Amino acid sequence: PQVLHAVEPEFTDEARQANYQGNVSVHLIVDTEGNPQNVRLASHLGMGLEEKAIAAVRQYKFRPAMYQGHAVSVQIVIEVDFHLH
């Protein structure tokens, strides 16, 4: 699948004040319509950023994966970056 629309995740106030940065890995299934399904964490970061990463990825839109000319559901992992600068 290809990302057609990505949403930037929001920082929590706690993470922003602490200048806390990093990455969160998110597992999901991209369905045949290009929508994220079964979004869940693959790695943790802390300070509430996991919830913000999941909320952002749930708003993504994808071009679905194709197999033999048909759209298919596939499982992927997305890295969500949290950087202040």
PDB file of N, CA and C in Angstrom:
ATOM      1  N   PRO A   1       0.825  -1.210   0.000  1.00  0.00           N
ATOM      2  CA  PRO A   1       0.000   0.000   0.000  1.00  0.00           C
ATOM      3  C   PRO A   1       0.858   1.259   0.000  1.00  0.00           C
ATOM      4  N   GLN A   2       0.310   2.322  -0.524  1.00  0.00           N
ATOM      5  CA  GLN A   2       0.990   3.615  -0.533  1.00  0.00           C
ATOM      6  C   GLN A   2       0.181   4.603   0.291  1.00  0.00           C
ATOM      7  N   VAL A   3       0.881   5.419   1.062  1.00  0.00           N
ATOM      8  CA  VAL A   3       0.207   6.450   1.848  1.00  0.00           C
ATOM      9  C   VAL A   3      -0.241   7.561   0.911  1.00  0.00           C
ATOM     10  N   LEU A   4      -1.543   7.852   0.920  1.00  0.00           N
ATOM     11  CA  LEU A   4      -2.086   8.953   0.132  1.00  0.00           C
ATOM     12  C   LEU A   4      -2.274  10.196   0.989  1.00  0.00           C
ATOM     13  N   HIS A   5      -2.616   9.966   2.261  1.00  0.00           N
ATOM     14  CA  HIS A   5      -2.849  11.082   3.183  1.00  0.00           C
ATOM     15  C   HIS A   5      -2.341  10.676   4.559  1.00  0.00           C
ATOM     16  N   ALA A   6      -1.379  11.426   5.079  1.00  0.00           N
ATOM     17  CA  ALA A   6      -0.837  11.175   6.414  1.00  0.00           C
ATOM     18  C   ALA A   6      -1.158  12.364   7.313  1.00  0.00           C
ATOM     19  N   VAL A   7      -1.362  12.086   8.577  1.00  0.00           N
ATOM     20  CA  VAL A   7      -1.667  13.120   9.560  1.00  0.00           C
ATOM     21  C   VAL A   7      -0.491  13.220  10.529  1.00  0.00           C
ATOM     22  N   GLU A   8      -0.019  14.440  10.749  1.00  0.00           N
ATOM     23  CA  GLU A   8       1.063  14.637  11.720  1.00  0.00           C
ATOM     24  C   GLU A   8       0.528  14.396  13.127  1.00  0.00           C
ATOM     25  N   PRO A   9       1.248  13.612  13.927  1.00  0.00           N
ATOM     26  CA  PRO A   9       0.784  13.376  15.292  1.00  0.00           C
ATOM     27  C   PRO A   9       0.993  14.608  16.161  1.00  0.00           C
ATOM     28  N   GLU A  10       0.149  14.743  17.155  1.00  0.00           N
ATOM     29  CA  GLU A  10       0.285  15.846  18.097  1.00  0.00           C
ATOM     30  C   GLU A  10       1.185  15.421  19.248  1.00  0.00           C
ATOM     31  N   PHE A  11       1.912  16.377  19.791  1.00  0.00           N
ATOM     32  CA  PHE A  11       2.692  16.143  21.009  1.00  0.00           C
ATOM     33  C   PHE A  11       1.778  16.296  22.215  1.00  0.00           C
ATOM     34  N   THR A  12       2.056  15.560  23.268  1.00  0.00           N
ATOM     35  CA  THR A  12       1.387  15.831  24.530  1.00  0.00           C
ATOM     36  C   THR A  12       2.106  17.016  25.171  1.00  0.00           C
ATOM     37  N   ASP A  13       1.413  17.750  26.020  1.00  0.00           N
ATOM     38  CA  ASP A  13       2.040  18.878  26.710  1.00  0.00           C
ATOM     39  C   ASP A  13       3.232  18.409  27.532  1.00  0.00           C
ATOM     40  N   GLU A  14       3.081  17.251  28.165  1.00  0.00           N
ATOM     41  CA  GLU A  14       4.157  16.688  28.996  1.00  0.00           C
ATOM     42  C   GLU A  14       5.417  16.434  28.168  1.00  0.00           C
ATOM     43  N   ALA A  15       5.253  15.834  26.981  1.00  0.00           N
ATOM     44  CA  ALA A  15       6.404  15.535  26.119  1.00  0.00           C
ATOM     45  C   ALA A  15       7.034  16.819  25.585  1.00  0.00           C
ATOM     46  N   ARG A  16       6.206  17.789  25.233  1.00  0.00           N
ATOM     47  CA  ARG A  16       6.725  19.060  24.708  1.00  0.00           C
ATOM     48  C   ARG A  16       7.545  19.789  25.774  1.00  0.00           C
ATOM     49  N   GLN A  17       7.034  19.854  26.990  1.00  0.00           N
ATOM     50  CA  GLN A  17       7.735  20.544  28.070  1.00  0.00           C
ATOM     51  C   GLN A  17       9.059  19.857  28.415  1.00  0.00           C
ATOM     52  N   ALA A  18       9.084  18.540  28.279  1.00  0.00           N
ATOM     53  CA  ALA A  18      10.301  17.786  28.590  1.00  0.00           C
ATOM     54  C   ALA A  18      11.240  17.686  27.390  1.00  0.00           C
ATOM     55  N   ASN A  19      10.829  18.273  26.241  1.00  0.00           N
ATOM     56  CA  ASN A  19      11.595  18.175  24.999  1.00  0.00           C
ATOM     57  C   ASN A  19      11.860  16.709  24.658  1.00  0.00           C
ATOM     58  N   TYR A  20      10.830  15.883  24.851  1.00  0.00           N
ATOM     59  CA  TYR A  20      10.920  14.432  24.681  1.00  0.00           C
ATOM     60  C   TYR A  20      10.598  14.074  23.238  1.00  0.00           C
ATOM     61  N   GLN A  21      11.491  13.330  22.586  1.00  0.00           N
ATOM     62  CA  GLN A  21      11.331  12.991  21.180  1.00  0.00           C
ATOM     63  C   GLN A  21      11.618  11.516  20.955  1.00  0.00           C
ATOM     64  N   GLY A  22      11.210  11.007  19.804  1.00  0.00           N
ATOM     65  CA  GLY A  22      11.489   9.624  19.458  1.00  0.00           C
ATOM     66  C   GLY A  22      10.517   9.096  18.418  1.00  0.00           C
ATOM     67  N   ASN A  23      10.478   7.777  18.283  1.00  0.00           N
ATOM     68  CA  ASN A  23       9.638   7.107  17.293  1.00  0.00           C
ATOM     69  C   ASN A  23       8.736   6.095  17.969  1.00  0.00           C
ATOM     70  N   VAL A  24       7.565   5.898  17.389  1.00  0.00           N
ATOM     71  CA  VAL A  24       6.642   4.859  17.816  1.00  0.00           C
ATOM     72  C   VAL A  24       6.337   4.003  16.590  1.00  0.00           C
ATOM     73  N   SER A  25       6.465   2.682  16.733  1.00  0.00           N
ATOM     74  CA  SER A  25       6.081   1.764  15.655  1.00  0.00           C
ATOM     75  C   SER A  25       4.640   1.343  15.863  1.00  0.00           C
ATOM     76  N   VAL A  26       3.872   1.395  14.781  1.00  0.00           N
ATOM     77  CA  VAL A  26       2.456   1.061  14.838  1.00  0.00           C
ATOM     78  C   VAL A  26       2.155  -0.026  13.809  1.00  0.00           C
ATOM     79  N   HIS A  27       1.585  -1.150  14.274  1.00  0.00           N
ATOM     80  CA  HIS A  27       1.104  -2.216  13.390  1.00  0.00           C
ATOM     81  C   HIS A  27      -0.301  -1.862  12.939  1.00  0.00           C
ATOM     82  N   LEU A  28      -0.631  -2.168  11.692  1.00  0.00           N
ATOM     83  CA  LEU A  28      -1.990  -1.989  11.226  1.00  0.00           C
ATOM     84  C   LEU A  28      -2.237  -2.846  10.007  1.00  0.00           C
ATOM     85  N   ILE A  29      -3.492  -2.995   9.693  1.00  0.00           N
ATOM     86  CA  ILE A  29      -3.896  -3.661   8.458  1.00  0.00           C
ATOM     87  C   ILE A  29      -4.495  -2.595   7.561  1.00  0.00           C
ATOM     88  N   VAL A  30      -4.016  -2.538   6.325  1.00  0.00           N
ATOM     89  CA  VAL A  30      -4.619  -1.655   5.322  1.00  0.00           C
ATOM     90  C   VAL A  30      -5.619  -2.505   4.555  1.00  0.00           C
ATOM     91  N   ASP A  31      -6.907  -2.152   4.656  1.00  0.00           N
ATOM     92  CA  ASP A  31      -7.941  -2.968   4.019  1.00  0.00           C
ATOM     93  C   ASP A  31      -8.025  -2.678   2.521  1.00  0.00           C
ATOM     94  N   THR A  32      -8.947  -3.363   1.861  1.00  0.00           N
ATOM     95  CA  THR A  32      -9.063  -3.242   0.403  1.00  0.00           C
ATOM     96  C   THR A  32      -9.570  -1.877  -0.047  1.00  0.00           C
ATOM     97  N   GLU A  33     -10.075  -1.079   0.898  1.00  0.00           N
ATOM     98  CA  GLU A  33     -10.517   0.284   0.590  1.00  0.00           C
ATOM     99  C   GLU A  33      -9.425   1.313   0.884  1.00  0.00           C
ATOM    100  N   GLY A  34      -8.294   0.858   1.434  1.00  0.00           N
ATOM    101  CA  GLY A  34      -7.204   1.776   1.767  1.00  0.00           C
ATOM    102  C   GLY A  34      -7.327   2.398   3.139  1.00  0.00           C
ATOM    103  N   ASN A  35      -8.161   1.814   3.988  1.00  0.00           N
ATOM    104  CA  ASN A  35      -8.356   2.341   5.336  1.00  0.00           C
ATOM    105  C   ASN A  35      -7.565   1.532   6.360  1.00  0.00           C
ATOM    106  N   PRO A  36      -7.032   2.209   7.382  1.00  0.00           N
ATOM    107  CA  PRO A  36      -6.314   1.486   8.439  1.00  0.00           C
ATOM    108  C   PRO A  36      -7.294   0.751   9.354  1.00  0.00           C
ATOM    109  N   GLN A  37      -6.966  -0.491   9.670  1.00  0.00           N
ATOM    110  CA  GLN A  37      -7.774  -1.321  10.561  1.00  0.00           C
ATOM    111  C   GLN A  37      -6.857  -1.957  11.604  1.00  0.00           C
ATOM    112  N   ASN A  38      -7.429  -2.318  12.755  1.00  0.00           N
ATOM    113  CA  ASN A  38      -6.692  -3.052  13.785  1.00  0.00           C
ATOM    114  C   ASN A  38      -5.375  -2.353  14.139  1.00  0.00           C
ATOM    115  N   VAL A  39      -5.433  -1.036  14.339  1.00  0.00           N
ATOM    116  CA  VAL A  39      -4.246  -0.236  14.641  1.00  0.00           C
ATOM    117  C   VAL A  39      -3.812  -0.508  16.079  1.00  0.00           C
ATOM    118  N   ARG A  40      -2.532  -0.914  16.249  1.00  0.00           N
ATOM    119  CA  ARG A  40      -2.026  -1.199  17.594  1.00  0.00           C
ATOM    120  C   ARG A  40      -0.533  -0.932  17.657  1.00  0.00           C
ATOM    121  N   LEU A  41      -0.036  -0.819  18.871  1.00  0.00           N
ATOM    122  CA  LEU A  41       1.377  -0.491  19.080  1.00  0.00           C
ATOM    123  C   LEU A  41       2.299  -1.669  18.810  1.00  0.00           C
ATOM    124  N   ALA A  42       3.454  -1.356  18.243  1.00  0.00           N
ATOM    125  CA  ALA A  42       4.523  -2.339  18.100  1.00  0.00           C
ATOM    126  C   ALA A  42       5.685  -1.972  19.019  1.00  0.00           C
ATOM    127  N   SER A  43       5.823  -0.684  19.340  1.00  0.00           N
ATOM    128  CA  SER A  43       6.866  -0.223  20.266  1.00  0.00           C
ATOM    129  C   SER A  43       6.313   0.911  21.109  1.00  0.00           C
ATOM    130  N   HIS A  44       6.924   1.117  22.259  1.00  0.00           N
ATOM    131  CA  HIS A  44       6.464   2.144  23.186  1.00  0.00           C
ATOM    132  C   HIS A  44       7.471   3.282  23.262  1.00  0.00           C
ATOM    133  N   LEU A  45       6.968   4.488  23.582  1.00  0.00           N
ATOM    134  CA  LEU A  45       7.829   5.653  23.730  1.00  0.00           C
ATOM    135  C   LEU A  45       7.599   6.336  25.062  1.00  0.00           C
ATOM    136  N   GLY A  46       6.350   6.414  25.493  1.00  0.00           N
ATOM    137  CA  GLY A  46       6.038   7.024  26.774  1.00  0.00           C
ATOM    138  C   GLY A  46       5.461   8.419  26.640  1.00  0.00           C
ATOM    139  N   MET A  47       5.111   8.998  27.771  1.00  0.00           N
ATOM    140  CA  MET A  47       4.562  10.353  27.886  1.00  0.00           C
ATOM    141  C   MET A  47       3.298  10.566  27.055  1.00  0.00           C
ATOM    142  N   GLY A  48       2.536   9.506  26.845  1.00  0.00           N
ATOM    143  CA  GLY A  48       1.275   9.621  26.116  1.00  0.00           C
ATOM    144  C   GLY A  48       1.410   9.692  24.607  1.00  0.00           C
ATOM    145  N   LEU A  49       2.623   9.562  24.093  1.00  0.00           N
ATOM    146  CA  LEU A  49       2.816   9.707  22.647  1.00  0.00           C
ATOM    147  C   LEU A  49       2.293   8.510  21.862  1.00  0.00           C
ATOM    148  N   GLU A  50       2.210   7.341  22.508  1.00  0.00           N
ATOM    149  CA  GLU A  50       1.670   6.170  21.813  1.00  0.00           C
ATOM    150  C   GLU A  50       0.228   6.425  21.375  1.00  0.00           C
ATOM    151  N   GLU A  51      -0.583   6.994  22.283  1.00  0.00           N
ATOM    152  CA  GLU A  51      -1.978   7.274  21.965  1.00  0.00           C
ATOM    153  C   GLU A  51      -2.089   8.298  20.842  1.00  0.00           C
ATOM    154  N   LYS A  52      -1.198   9.283  20.848  1.00  0.00           N
ATOM    155  CA  LYS A  52      -1.204  10.299  19.790  1.00  0.00           C
ATOM    156  C   LYS A  52      -0.811   9.683  18.443  1.00  0.00           C
ATOM    157  N   ALA A  53       0.133   8.738  18.456  1.00  0.00           N
ATOM    158  CA  ALA A  53       0.544   8.058  17.223  1.00  0.00           C
ATOM    159  C   ALA A  53      -0.608   7.238  16.655  1.00  0.00           C
ATOM    160  N   ILE A  54      -1.298   6.492  17.509  1.00  0.00           N
ATOM    161  CA  ILE A  54      -2.427   5.681  17.060  1.00  0.00           C
ATOM    162  C   ILE A  54      -3.536   6.572  16.503  1.00  0.00           C
ATOM    163  N   ALA A  55      -3.829   7.675  17.187  1.00  0.00           N
ATOM    164  CA  ALA A  55      -4.877   8.594  16.718  1.00  0.00           C
ATOM    165  C   ALA A  55      -4.534   9.152  15.339  1.00  0.00           C
ATOM    166  N   ALA A  56      -3.264   9.471  15.104  1.00  0.00           N
ATOM    167  CA  ALA A  56      -2.849  10.002  13.801  1.00  0.00           C
ATOM    168  C   ALA A  56      -2.972   8.935  12.715  1.00  0.00           C
ATOM    169  N   VAL A  57      -2.464   7.731  12.986  1.00  0.00           N
ATOM    170  CA  VAL A  57      -2.471   6.666  11.973  1.00  0.00           C
ATOM    171  C   VAL A  57      -3.898   6.253  11.609  1.00  0.00           C
ATOM    172  N   ARG A  58      -4.804   6.314  12.548  1.00  0.00           N
ATOM    173  CA  ARG A  58      -6.208   5.973  12.248  1.00  0.00           C
ATOM    174  C   ARG A  58      -6.818   6.918  11.219  1.00  0.00           C
ATOM    175  N   GLN A  59      -6.217   8.099  11.030  1.00  0.00           N
ATOM    176  CA  GLN A  59      -6.724   9.074  10.061  1.00  0.00           C
ATOM    177  C   GLN A  59      -6.019   8.971   8.705  1.00  0.00           C
ATOM    178  N   TYR A  60      -5.018   8.098   8.590  1.00  0.00           N
ATOM    179  CA  TYR A  60      -4.311   7.918   7.327  1.00  0.00           C
ATOM    180  C   TYR A  60      -5.265   7.364   6.267  1.00  0.00           C
ATOM    181  N   LYS A  61      -4.908   7.618   5.002  1.00  0.00           N
ATOM    182  CA  LYS A  61      -5.598   7.014   3.871  1.00  0.00           C
ATOM    183  C   LYS A  61      -4.532   6.446   2.952  1.00  0.00           C
ATOM    184  N   PHE A  62      -4.765   5.233   2.460  1.00  0.00           N
ATOM    185  CA  PHE A  62      -3.792   4.523   1.638  1.00  0.00           C
ATOM    186  C   PHE A  62      -4.372   4.160   0.280  1.00  0.00           C
ATOM    187  N   ARG A  63      -3.475   3.964  -0.686  1.00  0.00           N
ATOM    188  CA  ARG A  63      -3.833   3.260  -1.916  1.00  0.00           C
ATOM    189  C   ARG A  63      -3.610   1.792  -1.564  1.00  0.00           C
ATOM    190  N   PRO A  64      -4.643   0.950  -1.652  1.00  0.00           N
ATOM    191  CA  PRO A  64      -4.496  -0.431  -1.187  1.00  0.00           C
ATOM    192  C   PRO A  64      -3.465  -1.213  -1.990  1.00  0.00           C
ATOM    193  N   ALA A  65      -2.935  -2.239  -1.361  1.00  0.00           N
ATOM    194  CA  ALA A  65      -2.010  -3.144  -2.036  1.00  0.00           C
ATOM    195  C   ALA A  65      -2.782  -3.922  -3.098  1.00  0.00           C
ATOM    196  N   MET A  66      -2.105  -4.268  -4.158  1.00  0.00           N
ATOM    197  CA  MET A  66      -2.746  -5.007  -5.243  1.00  0.00           C
ATOM    198  C   MET A  66      -2.074  -6.365  -5.415  1.00  0.00           C
ATOM    199  N   TYR A  67      -2.880  -7.367  -5.701  1.00  0.00           N
ATOM    200  CA  TYR A  67      -2.367  -8.700  -6.001  1.00  0.00           C
ATOM    201  C   TYR A  67      -3.193  -9.261  -7.147  1.00  0.00           C
ATOM    202  N   GLN A  68      -2.526  -9.557  -8.251  1.00  0.00           N
ATOM    203  CA  GLN A  68      -3.176 -10.084  -9.454  1.00  0.00           C
ATOM    204  C   GLN A  68      -4.366  -9.220  -9.883  1.00  0.00           C
ATOM    205  N   GLY A  69      -4.174  -7.905  -9.808  1.00  0.00           N
ATOM    206  CA  GLY A  69      -5.181  -6.977 -10.283  1.00  0.00           C
ATOM    207  C   GLY A  69      -6.304  -6.663  -9.314  1.00  0.00           C
ATOM    208  N   HIS A  70      -6.229  -7.208  -8.098  1.00  0.00           N
ATOM    209  CA  HIS A  70      -7.277  -6.972  -7.107  1.00  0.00           C
ATOM    210  C   HIS A  70      -6.689  -6.352  -5.852  1.00  0.00           C
ATOM    211  N   ALA A  71      -7.450  -5.459  -5.237  1.00  0.00           N
ATOM    212  CA  ALA A  71      -7.023  -4.875  -3.967  1.00  0.00           C
ATOM    213  C   ALA A  71      -7.073  -5.954  -2.888  1.00  0.00           C
ATOM    214  N   VAL A  72      -6.028  -5.980  -2.051  1.00  0.00           N
ATOM    215  CA  VAL A  72      -5.960  -6.959  -0.963  1.00  0.00           C
ATOM    216  C   VAL A  72      -5.617  -6.253   0.341  1.00  0.00           C
ATOM    217  N   SER A  73      -6.041  -6.849   1.440  1.00  0.00           N
ATOM    218  CA  SER A  73      -5.680  -6.345   2.765  1.00  0.00           C
ATOM    219  C   SER A  73      -4.291  -6.853   3.111  1.00  0.00           C
ATOM    220  N   VAL A  74      -3.464  -5.984   3.681  1.00  0.00           N
ATOM    221  CA  VAL A  74      -2.124  -6.384   4.096  1.00  0.00           C
ATOM    222  C   VAL A  74      -1.790  -5.752   5.441  1.00  0.00           C
ATOM    223  N   GLN A  75      -0.928  -6.439   6.167  1.00  0.00           N
ATOM    224  CA  GLN A  75      -0.452  -5.903   7.446  1.00  0.00           C
ATOM    225  C   GLN A  75       0.858  -5.174   7.208  1.00  0.00           C
ATOM    226  N   ILE A  76       0.983  -3.982   7.792  1.00  0.00           N
ATOM    227  CA  ILE A  76       2.207  -3.199   7.666  1.00  0.00           C
ATOM    228  C   ILE A  76       2.572  -2.603   9.024  1.00  0.00           C
ATOM    229  N   VAL A  77       3.781  -2.072   9.102  1.00  0.00           N
ATOM    230  CA  VAL A  77       4.237  -1.337  10.279  1.00  0.00           C
ATOM    231  C   VAL A  77       4.625   0.061   9.816  1.00  0.00           C
ATOM    232  N   ILE A  78       4.149   1.068  10.531  1.00  0.00           N
ATOM    233  CA  ILE A  78       4.484   2.461  10.222  1.00  0.00           C
ATOM    234  C   ILE A  78       5.257   3.034  11.397  1.00  0.00           C
ATOM    235  N   GLU A  79       6.329   3.742  11.093  1.00  0.00           N
ATOM    236  CA  GLU A  79       7.096   4.463  12.111  1.00  0.00           C
ATOM    237  C   GLU A  79       6.549   5.887  12.188  1.00  0.00           C
ATOM    238  N   VAL A  80       6.093   6.277  13.370  1.00  0.00           N
ATOM    239  CA  VAL A  80       5.592   7.629  13.587  1.00  0.00           C
ATOM    240  C   VAL A  80       6.664   8.393  14.342  1.00  0.00           C
ATOM    241  N   ASP A  81       7.145   9.479  13.738  1.00  0.00           N
ATOM    242  CA  ASP A  81       8.237  10.267  14.320  1.00  0.00           C
ATOM    243  C   ASP A  81       7.682  11.412  15.147  1.00  0.00           C
ATOM    244  N   PHE A  82       8.258  11.590  16.320  1.00  0.00           N
ATOM    245  CA  PHE A  82       7.942  12.737  17.170  1.00  0.00           C
ATOM    246  C   PHE A  82       9.219  13.543  17.353  1.00  0.00           C
ATOM    247  N   HIS A  83       9.316  14.652  16.600  1.00  0.00           N
ATOM    248  CA  HIS A  83      10.482  15.527  16.687  1.00  0.00           C
ATOM    249  C   HIS A  83      10.009  16.965  16.781  1.00  0.00           C
ATOM    250  N   LEU A  84      10.589  17.702  17.691  1.00  0.00           N
ATOM    251  CA  LEU A  84      10.167  19.084  17.921  1.00  0.00           C
ATOM    252  C   LEU A  84      10.814  20.074  16.972  1.00  0.00           C
ATOM    253  N   HIS A  85      11.995  19.737  16.448  1.00  0.00           N
ATOM    254  CA  HIS A  85      12.709  20.714  15.610  1.00  0.00           C
ATOM    255  C   HIS A  85      13.036  20.128  14.258  1.00  0.00           C
TER     256      HIS A  85
END
